[in-house]
Protein backbone atom coordinates (compact mmCIF):
# COMPACT_ATOMS: atom_id res chain seq x y z
CA UNK A 1 2.32 -28.14 30.78
CA UNK A 2 2.08 -27.48 27.07
CA UNK A 3 3.64 -24.36 25.68
CA UNK A 4 1.21 -22.03 24.02
CA UNK A 5 1.29 -22.23 20.26
CA UNK A 6 2.48 -19.11 18.52
CA UNK A 7 -0.39 -17.52 16.66
CA UNK A 8 0.05 -17.28 12.92
CA UNK A 9 -2.17 -14.25 12.61
CA UNK A 10 -0.03 -11.89 14.66
CA UNK A 11 -0.64 -8.37 13.50
CA UNK A 12 2.53 -7.11 11.94
CA UNK A 13 4.58 -4.82 9.87
CA UNK A 14 6.40 -5.64 6.65
CA UNK A 15 9.29 -3.64 5.26
CA UNK A 16 10.32 -4.29 1.67
CA UNK A 17 11.93 -0.88 1.11
CA UNK A 18 15.17 -0.47 -0.84
CA UNK A 19 15.07 -3.94 -2.42
CA UNK A 20 15.04 -2.95 -6.13
CA UNK A 21 11.69 -4.69 -6.55
CA UNK A 22 9.85 -4.40 -9.86
CA UNK A 23 6.74 -6.09 -8.48
CA UNK A 24 5.20 -6.69 -5.09
CA UNK A 25 6.94 -9.57 -3.27
CA UNK A 26 5.29 -13.00 -3.53
CA UNK A 27 5.85 -13.85 0.12
CA UNK A 28 3.51 -11.01 1.02
CA UNK A 29 0.59 -13.16 -0.15
CA UNK A 30 1.79 -16.39 1.47
CA UNK A 31 2.01 -15.17 5.06
CA UNK A 32 -0.99 -15.75 7.27
CA UNK A 33 -0.52 -12.80 9.55
CA UNK A 34 -2.53 -9.61 9.40
CA UNK A 35 -0.41 -6.76 8.12
CA UNK A 36 -1.11 -3.29 9.47
CA UNK A 37 1.93 -1.44 8.08
CA UNK A 38 3.47 -2.11 4.70
CA UNK A 39 6.52 -0.29 3.38
CA UNK A 40 7.50 -0.87 -0.25
CA UNK A 41 9.23 2.49 -0.69
CA UNK A 42 12.28 3.17 -2.81
CA UNK A 43 11.84 0.36 -5.32
CA UNK A 44 10.99 0.18 -9.02
CA UNK A 45 7.29 -0.70 -8.92
CA UNK A 46 5.31 0.52 -11.91
CA UNK A 47 2.01 -0.97 -10.72
CA UNK A 48 0.42 -2.65 -7.71
CA UNK A 49 -0.61 -6.26 -7.59
CA UNK A 50 -4.41 -6.64 -7.58
CA UNK A 51 -4.02 -8.96 -4.61
CA UNK A 52 -3.39 -5.89 -2.48
CA UNK A 53 -7.10 -5.97 -1.74
CA UNK A 54 -6.43 -9.02 0.46
CA UNK A 55 -4.65 -6.81 2.99
CA UNK A 56 -7.90 -5.70 4.61
CA UNK A 57 -6.28 -4.79 7.96
CA UNK A 58 -3.74 -2.42 6.38
CA UNK A 59 -3.61 1.00 8.03
CA UNK A 60 -0.38 2.38 6.64
CA UNK A 61 0.87 1.93 3.09
CA UNK A 62 4.19 3.42 2.00
CA UNK A 63 4.80 3.45 -1.74
CA UNK A 64 7.11 6.48 -1.93
CA UNK A 65 9.92 6.63 -4.47
CA UNK A 66 8.69 4.08 -6.98
CA UNK A 67 7.72 4.33 -10.63
CA UNK A 68 3.94 4.23 -10.17
CA UNK A 69 2.35 6.14 -12.99
CA UNK A 70 -0.92 7.39 -14.37
CA UNK A 71 -3.52 6.54 -11.72
CA UNK A 72 -3.77 4.24 -8.75
CA UNK A 73 -5.33 0.83 -9.31
CA UNK A 74 -8.92 0.62 -8.10
CA UNK A 75 -8.03 -2.25 -5.77
CA UNK A 76 -6.27 0.17 -3.43
CA UNK A 77 -9.62 1.78 -2.71
CA UNK A 78 -10.89 -1.46 -1.15
CA UNK A 79 -8.47 -0.94 1.75
CA UNK A 80 -11.08 0.67 3.99
CA UNK A 81 -8.85 0.73 7.10
CA UNK A 82 -6.09 2.84 5.52
CA UNK A 83 -5.24 5.87 7.63
CA UNK A 84 -1.88 6.79 6.07
CA UNK A 85 -0.97 6.58 2.39
CA UNK A 86 2.43 7.68 1.10
CA UNK A 87 2.68 8.04 -2.67
CA UNK A 88 5.27 10.79 -2.96
CA UNK A 89 7.97 10.70 -5.62
CA UNK A 90 6.15 8.65 -8.24
CA UNK A 91 4.66 9.50 -11.64
CA UNK A 92 1.00 9.59 -10.72
CA UNK A 93 -1.07 11.87 -12.94
CA UNK A 94 -4.64 11.29 -11.73
CA UNK A 95 -6.28 10.73 -8.38
CA UNK A 96 -9.82 9.55 -9.04
CA UNK A 97 -12.94 10.15 -6.96
CA UNK A 98 -12.68 6.61 -5.59
CA UNK A 99 -10.12 7.88 -3.09
CA UNK A 100 -13.05 9.41 -1.23
CA UNK A 101 -14.12 5.85 -0.34
CA UNK A 102 -11.15 5.67 2.04
CA UNK A 103 -13.06 7.26 4.89
CA UNK A 104 -10.43 6.43 7.53
CA UNK A 105 -7.65 8.16 5.56
CA UNK A 106 -6.07 10.89 7.68
CA UNK A 107 -2.81 11.51 5.83
CA UNK A 108 -1.90 11.27 2.18
CA UNK A 109 1.38 12.39 0.62
CA UNK A 110 1.22 13.04 -3.12
CA UNK A 111 4.19 15.38 -3.37
CA UNK A 112 6.60 15.08 -6.27
CA UNK A 113 4.21 13.46 -8.71
CA UNK A 114 2.77 14.70 -12.01
CA UNK A 115 -0.75 15.25 -10.77
CA UNK A 116 -3.05 16.87 -13.29
CA UNK A 117 -6.39 15.82 -11.82
CA UNK A 118 -7.71 15.54 -8.27
CA UNK A 119 -11.20 14.56 -7.08
CA UNK A 120 -13.73 17.36 -7.09
């Protein structure tokens, strides 16, 4: 009997927290598996890679304790399956109306930012 091949699209979780990253890790884009939970907290990210839109299955995104500033990149709003978004302890100033496109979003943490503008 042949052993079953291990699927390469196993739904998974990636933890890149506390790695002193200044950009999103390259291996994130090379893996073939579907990622549901992504933790990139406690790093030095100032922006998100536009390729984040490739993570269509993502339900939980943790970006706490980074250096994200001004407003979120529009690509994050393509993640229609997001239910939990953690953006606390950054330097975000504006949350645009596009966040309303995330209809599955049930929890968002924006504490300890510099928010001056929220959607109306």
